[in-house]
N, C-alpha and C. Protein backbone atom coordinates (compact mmCIF):
# COMPACT_ATOMS: atom_id res chain seq x y z
N MET A 1 -0.66 8.64 -2.75
CA MET A 1 0.36 7.65 -2.50
C MET A 1 0.11 6.88 -1.20
N CYS A 2 -1.08 6.97 -0.68
CA CYS A 2 -1.43 6.28 0.57
C CYS A 2 -1.30 4.78 0.37
N SER A 3 -0.55 4.13 1.28
CA SER A 3 -0.39 2.68 1.19
C SER A 3 -1.34 1.95 2.13
N SER A 4 -2.27 2.68 2.71
CA SER A 4 -3.31 2.11 3.57
C SER A 4 -2.74 1.34 4.75
N CYS A 5 -1.68 1.84 5.34
CA CYS A 5 -1.05 1.16 6.47
C CYS A 5 -1.67 1.58 7.80
N TYR A 6 -2.49 2.62 7.79
CA TYR A 6 -3.19 3.14 8.97
C TYR A 6 -2.26 3.83 9.97
N GLU A 7 -0.99 4.01 9.64
CA GLU A 7 -0.08 4.65 10.58
C GLU A 7 -0.52 6.08 10.89
N CYS A 8 -0.98 6.81 9.89
CA CYS A 8 -1.43 8.19 10.12
C CYS A 8 -2.64 8.21 11.05
N THR A 9 -3.54 7.26 10.88
CA THR A 9 -4.73 7.18 11.73
C THR A 9 -4.34 6.85 13.17
N VAL A 10 -3.43 5.91 13.32
CA VAL A 10 -3.00 5.50 14.66
C VAL A 10 -2.29 6.64 15.38
N LYS A 11 -1.48 7.40 14.66
CA LYS A 11 -0.67 8.43 15.29
C LYS A 11 -1.33 9.80 15.35
N CYS A 12 -2.50 9.96 14.75
CA CYS A 12 -3.15 11.27 14.70
C CYS A 12 -3.55 11.71 16.12
N PRO A 13 -3.02 12.84 16.59
CA PRO A 13 -3.35 13.30 17.94
C PRO A 13 -4.81 13.73 18.08
N ALA A 14 -5.45 14.08 16.98
CA ALA A 14 -6.86 14.48 17.01
C ALA A 14 -7.80 13.30 16.78
N GLN A 15 -7.23 12.09 16.64
CA GLN A 15 -7.98 10.86 16.42
C GLN A 15 -8.87 10.91 15.17
N ILE A 16 -8.34 11.58 14.15
CA ILE A 16 -9.03 11.64 12.86
C ILE A 16 -8.75 10.34 12.11
N LYS A 17 -9.76 9.73 11.56
CA LYS A 17 -9.61 8.47 10.83
C LYS A 17 -9.21 8.78 9.38
N ILE A 18 -7.94 9.17 9.23
CA ILE A 18 -7.43 9.65 7.95
C ILE A 18 -7.55 8.59 6.86
N THR A 19 -7.20 7.35 7.18
CA THR A 19 -7.25 6.29 6.17
C THR A 19 -8.67 6.09 5.67
N GLU A 20 -9.65 6.16 6.56
CA GLU A 20 -11.05 6.02 6.14
C GLU A 20 -11.45 7.17 5.22
N ILE A 21 -10.97 8.35 5.50
CA ILE A 21 -11.26 9.51 4.64
C ILE A 21 -10.64 9.28 3.26
N MET A 22 -9.41 8.76 3.24
CA MET A 22 -8.74 8.48 1.96
C MET A 22 -9.53 7.46 1.14
N TYR A 23 -10.00 6.40 1.80
CA TYR A 23 -10.81 5.40 1.10
C TYR A 23 -12.08 6.02 0.52
N ALA A 24 -12.74 6.85 1.30
CA ALA A 24 -13.97 7.48 0.83
C ALA A 24 -13.70 8.37 -0.38
N LEU A 25 -12.62 9.12 -0.33
CA LEU A 25 -12.27 9.98 -1.47
C LEU A 25 -11.92 9.16 -2.70
N LYS A 26 -11.24 8.05 -2.52
CA LYS A 26 -10.90 7.18 -3.65
C LYS A 26 -12.16 6.61 -4.29
N ARG A 27 -13.08 6.10 -3.45
CA ARG A 27 -14.33 5.54 -3.98
C ARG A 27 -15.12 6.62 -4.73
N LYS A 28 -15.18 7.81 -4.17
CA LYS A 28 -15.92 8.90 -4.80
C LYS A 28 -15.29 9.27 -6.15
N SER A 29 -13.98 9.32 -6.21
CA SER A 29 -13.33 9.69 -7.48
C SER A 29 -13.60 8.66 -8.57
N VAL A 30 -13.65 7.38 -8.21
CA VAL A 30 -13.97 6.34 -9.18
C VAL A 30 -15.42 6.47 -9.62
N ARG A 31 -16.33 6.65 -8.66
CA ARG A 31 -17.76 6.79 -8.97
C ARG A 31 -18.03 7.97 -9.91
N GLU A 32 -17.31 9.06 -9.70
CA GLU A 32 -17.53 10.26 -10.51
C GLU A 32 -16.71 10.30 -11.78
N GLY A 33 -16.00 9.20 -12.05
CA GLY A 33 -15.25 9.11 -13.30
C GLY A 33 -13.99 9.95 -13.33
N LEU A 34 -13.49 10.33 -12.19
CA LEU A 34 -12.27 11.14 -12.14
C LEU A 34 -11.01 10.30 -12.28
N VAL A 35 -11.16 8.99 -12.13
CA VAL A 35 -10.04 8.06 -12.26
C VAL A 35 -10.44 7.01 -13.28
N THR A 36 -9.60 6.80 -14.27
CA THR A 36 -9.88 5.78 -15.28
C THR A 36 -9.27 4.45 -14.84
N ARG A 37 -9.73 3.37 -15.42
CA ARG A 37 -9.25 2.04 -15.05
C ARG A 37 -7.75 1.87 -15.32
N ASP A 38 -7.20 2.61 -16.28
CA ASP A 38 -5.77 2.48 -16.57
C ASP A 38 -4.94 3.51 -15.81
N ALA A 39 -5.55 4.17 -14.85
CA ALA A 39 -4.86 5.20 -14.09
C ALA A 39 -3.73 4.59 -13.26
N ASP A 40 -2.80 5.43 -12.93
CA ASP A 40 -1.63 5.05 -12.15
C ASP A 40 -2.02 4.41 -10.82
N VAL A 41 -3.12 4.84 -10.24
CA VAL A 41 -3.55 4.33 -8.94
C VAL A 41 -3.83 2.82 -9.01
N HIS A 42 -4.29 2.34 -10.15
CA HIS A 42 -4.56 0.92 -10.28
C HIS A 42 -3.27 0.09 -10.29
N ARG A 43 -2.21 0.63 -10.89
CA ARG A 43 -0.91 -0.05 -10.83
C ARG A 43 -0.42 -0.11 -9.38
N PHE A 44 -0.63 0.99 -8.67
CA PHE A 44 -0.22 1.07 -7.27
C PHE A 44 -0.96 0.01 -6.44
N TYR A 45 -2.28 -0.06 -6.60
CA TYR A 45 -3.06 -1.03 -5.82
C TYR A 45 -2.78 -2.47 -6.22
N LYS A 46 -2.43 -2.69 -7.48
CA LYS A 46 -2.06 -4.04 -7.92
C LYS A 46 -0.79 -4.48 -7.20
N LEU A 47 0.19 -3.60 -7.14
CA LEU A 47 1.42 -3.93 -6.42
C LEU A 47 1.14 -4.15 -4.93
N PHE A 48 0.30 -3.30 -4.36
CA PHE A 48 -0.08 -3.42 -2.95
C PHE A 48 -0.69 -4.81 -2.70
N THR A 49 -1.64 -5.18 -3.52
CA THR A 49 -2.32 -6.47 -3.37
C THR A 49 -1.36 -7.63 -3.56
N ASP A 50 -0.48 -7.54 -4.54
CA ASP A 50 0.49 -8.61 -4.77
C ASP A 50 1.37 -8.83 -3.55
N ILE A 51 1.84 -7.76 -2.94
CA ILE A 51 2.71 -7.88 -1.76
C ILE A 51 1.95 -8.49 -0.59
N VAL A 52 0.74 -8.01 -0.34
CA VAL A 52 -0.04 -8.54 0.78
C VAL A 52 -0.38 -10.01 0.54
N CYS A 53 -0.73 -10.36 -0.68
CA CYS A 53 -1.05 -11.76 -0.97
C CYS A 53 0.17 -12.66 -0.81
N LYS A 54 1.33 -12.17 -1.13
CA LYS A 54 2.54 -12.98 -1.03
C LYS A 54 3.03 -13.13 0.41
N TYR A 55 3.01 -12.04 1.17
CA TYR A 55 3.59 -12.06 2.51
C TYR A 55 2.58 -12.05 3.65
N GLY A 56 1.33 -11.71 3.33
CA GLY A 56 0.32 -11.64 4.38
C GLY A 56 0.32 -10.32 5.11
N ARG A 57 1.26 -9.47 4.78
CA ARG A 57 1.39 -8.15 5.39
C ARG A 57 1.95 -7.18 4.37
N MET A 58 1.77 -5.90 4.65
CA MET A 58 2.31 -4.88 3.77
C MET A 58 3.74 -4.56 4.17
N ASN A 59 4.58 -4.34 3.18
CA ASN A 59 5.92 -3.84 3.39
C ASN A 59 6.03 -2.57 2.58
N GLU A 60 5.98 -1.43 3.27
CA GLU A 60 5.94 -0.14 2.60
C GLU A 60 7.17 0.11 1.75
N MET A 61 8.34 -0.30 2.23
CA MET A 61 9.58 -0.10 1.47
C MET A 61 9.49 -0.82 0.12
N MET A 62 9.05 -2.06 0.15
CA MET A 62 8.93 -2.84 -1.08
C MET A 62 7.90 -2.20 -2.03
N LEU A 63 6.78 -1.77 -1.49
CA LEU A 63 5.74 -1.16 -2.31
C LEU A 63 6.24 0.10 -2.99
N ILE A 64 6.82 1.00 -2.22
CA ILE A 64 7.28 2.26 -2.79
C ILE A 64 8.40 2.03 -3.79
N MET A 65 9.33 1.15 -3.46
CA MET A 65 10.43 0.90 -4.39
C MET A 65 9.92 0.32 -5.71
N ARG A 66 9.05 -0.68 -5.64
CA ARG A 66 8.53 -1.29 -6.88
C ARG A 66 7.70 -0.30 -7.69
N TYR A 67 6.89 0.46 -7.01
CA TYR A 67 6.02 1.41 -7.70
C TYR A 67 6.82 2.57 -8.29
N MET A 68 7.61 3.21 -7.47
CA MET A 68 8.32 4.42 -7.90
C MET A 68 9.42 4.12 -8.91
N MET A 69 10.12 2.99 -8.74
CA MET A 69 11.24 2.68 -9.61
C MET A 69 10.81 2.60 -11.07
N PHE A 70 9.65 2.01 -11.32
CA PHE A 70 9.22 1.81 -12.69
C PHE A 70 8.26 2.88 -13.20
N ASN A 71 7.59 3.58 -12.30
CA ASN A 71 6.59 4.55 -12.71
C ASN A 71 7.03 6.00 -12.53
N HIS A 72 7.84 6.25 -11.52
CA HIS A 72 8.25 7.63 -11.21
C HIS A 72 9.69 7.66 -10.67
N PRO A 73 10.67 7.26 -11.48
CA PRO A 73 12.04 7.17 -10.97
C PRO A 73 12.61 8.51 -10.50
N VAL A 74 12.26 9.61 -11.15
CA VAL A 74 12.76 10.92 -10.72
C VAL A 74 12.20 11.28 -9.35
N ASP A 75 10.90 11.04 -9.16
CA ASP A 75 10.28 11.30 -7.86
C ASP A 75 10.89 10.42 -6.78
N LEU A 76 11.24 9.19 -7.13
CA LEU A 76 11.88 8.29 -6.17
C LEU A 76 13.18 8.90 -5.68
N ALA A 77 13.97 9.40 -6.61
CA ALA A 77 15.25 10.02 -6.23
C ALA A 77 15.02 11.23 -5.33
N LEU A 78 13.99 12.00 -5.62
CA LEU A 78 13.69 13.18 -4.80
C LEU A 78 13.21 12.80 -3.40
N GLN A 79 12.60 11.62 -3.27
CA GLN A 79 12.07 11.18 -1.98
C GLN A 79 13.09 10.40 -1.15
N MET A 80 14.27 10.16 -1.69
CA MET A 80 15.27 9.37 -0.98
C MET A 80 15.62 9.94 0.41
N PRO A 81 15.78 11.25 0.58
CA PRO A 81 16.09 11.75 1.93
C PRO A 81 15.00 11.41 2.95
N VAL A 82 13.75 11.49 2.55
CA VAL A 82 12.65 11.14 3.45
C VAL A 82 12.70 9.65 3.77
N GLY A 83 12.92 8.84 2.76
CA GLY A 83 13.01 7.41 2.95
C GLY A 83 14.16 7.02 3.87
N MET A 84 15.28 7.68 3.73
CA MET A 84 16.42 7.38 4.58
C MET A 84 16.13 7.73 6.04
N ARG A 85 15.44 8.86 6.27
CA ARG A 85 15.06 9.22 7.64
C ARG A 85 14.10 8.19 8.22
N MET A 86 13.13 7.76 7.41
CA MET A 86 12.17 6.76 7.87
C MET A 86 12.87 5.44 8.16
N PHE A 87 13.81 5.08 7.33
CA PHE A 87 14.57 3.84 7.54
C PHE A 87 15.39 3.94 8.83
N SER A 88 16.01 5.08 9.06
CA SER A 88 16.86 5.24 10.26
C SER A 88 16.06 5.21 11.55
N THR A 89 14.78 5.58 11.49
CA THR A 89 13.94 5.55 12.70
C THR A 89 13.20 4.23 12.85
N GLY A 90 13.37 3.34 11.89
CA GLY A 90 12.70 2.04 11.97
C GLY A 90 11.30 2.04 11.40
N THR A 91 10.87 3.15 10.81
CA THR A 91 9.53 3.23 10.23
C THR A 91 9.41 2.35 9.00
N LEU A 92 10.47 2.29 8.20
CA LEU A 92 10.49 1.43 7.01
C LEU A 92 11.35 0.21 7.30
N GLN A 93 10.84 -0.96 6.97
CA GLN A 93 11.56 -2.22 7.14
C GLN A 93 11.99 -2.73 5.77
N ILE A 94 13.21 -3.23 5.69
CA ILE A 94 13.69 -3.77 4.41
C ILE A 94 13.02 -5.10 4.10
N GLN A 95 13.08 -6.02 5.03
CA GLN A 95 12.51 -7.35 4.83
C GLN A 95 11.05 -7.40 5.26
N PRO A 96 10.18 -7.93 4.41
CA PRO A 96 8.79 -8.08 4.83
C PRO A 96 8.66 -9.20 5.87
N HIS A 97 7.79 -9.02 6.81
CA HIS A 97 7.50 -10.05 7.81
C HIS A 97 6.34 -10.88 7.28
N LYS A 98 6.53 -12.18 7.22
CA LYS A 98 5.47 -13.06 6.74
C LYS A 98 4.55 -13.45 7.89
N VAL A 99 3.33 -13.81 7.54
CA VAL A 99 2.40 -14.31 8.54
C VAL A 99 2.89 -15.68 9.02
N ARG A 100 2.46 -16.07 10.20
CA ARG A 100 2.94 -17.33 10.78
C ARG A 100 2.47 -18.55 10.01
N ASN A 101 1.20 -18.63 9.70
CA ASN A 101 0.66 -19.80 9.03
C ASN A 101 0.37 -19.45 7.57
N GLN A 102 1.39 -19.51 6.76
CA GLN A 102 1.30 -19.10 5.35
C GLN A 102 0.28 -19.93 4.58
N ASP A 103 0.18 -21.24 4.86
CA ASP A 103 -0.76 -22.10 4.14
C ASP A 103 -2.20 -21.66 4.38
N SER A 104 -2.55 -21.40 5.63
CA SER A 104 -3.91 -20.94 5.94
C SER A 104 -4.19 -19.60 5.29
N PHE A 105 -3.20 -18.71 5.34
CA PHE A 105 -3.38 -17.40 4.71
C PHE A 105 -3.59 -17.54 3.21
N ASN A 106 -2.81 -18.40 2.57
CA ASN A 106 -2.96 -18.61 1.13
C ASN A 106 -4.36 -19.12 0.78
N LYS A 107 -4.94 -19.97 1.62
CA LYS A 107 -6.30 -20.46 1.39
C LYS A 107 -7.31 -19.31 1.47
N ILE A 108 -7.12 -18.43 2.43
CA ILE A 108 -8.00 -17.26 2.58
C ILE A 108 -7.90 -16.37 1.34
N VAL A 109 -6.69 -16.13 0.88
CA VAL A 109 -6.47 -15.30 -0.31
C VAL A 109 -7.14 -15.93 -1.52
N GLN A 110 -6.95 -17.24 -1.72
CA GLN A 110 -7.57 -17.92 -2.86
C GLN A 110 -9.09 -17.83 -2.82
N LYS A 111 -9.66 -17.98 -1.63
CA LYS A 111 -11.11 -17.88 -1.49
C LYS A 111 -11.58 -16.46 -1.82
N ALA A 112 -10.86 -15.46 -1.32
CA ALA A 112 -11.22 -14.07 -1.60
C ALA A 112 -11.14 -13.78 -3.09
N LEU A 113 -10.10 -14.27 -3.74
CA LEU A 113 -9.96 -14.05 -5.18
C LEU A 113 -11.06 -14.75 -5.96
N SER A 114 -11.46 -15.93 -5.53
CA SER A 114 -12.54 -16.63 -6.23
C SER A 114 -13.86 -15.91 -6.05
N LEU A 115 -14.09 -15.31 -4.90
CA LEU A 115 -15.33 -14.54 -4.67
C LEU A 115 -15.35 -13.27 -5.50
N GLU A 116 -14.18 -12.71 -5.76
CA GLU A 116 -14.07 -11.48 -6.54
C GLU A 116 -14.50 -11.71 -7.97
N GLU A 117 -14.19 -12.90 -8.50
CA GLU A 117 -14.53 -13.22 -9.89
C GLU A 117 -16.01 -13.36 -10.01
């Protein structure tokens, strides 16, 4: 369920690059055929990409709500106490913050998408 926000890496007292380890494990699982193209992780990353492309930044609250509500509603209910604590400490933001120059960002996104094809 890593949203690639790097918060764990930034806050790790041992300075372990946790997000980089997660990426390496994800790439390895795809290479070894442990994850299929229709796997749940692809829906998660699609939502992640859609949010970043729209706002220029990640909003963890939006990602988790969109993903869990439609894919794992029971788990969402079970995670509500954790989410409420994170919200109360300011870790989760309700409104996504947009980048300052949305037009320039949109051009970058379009170029990246065209290179992907």
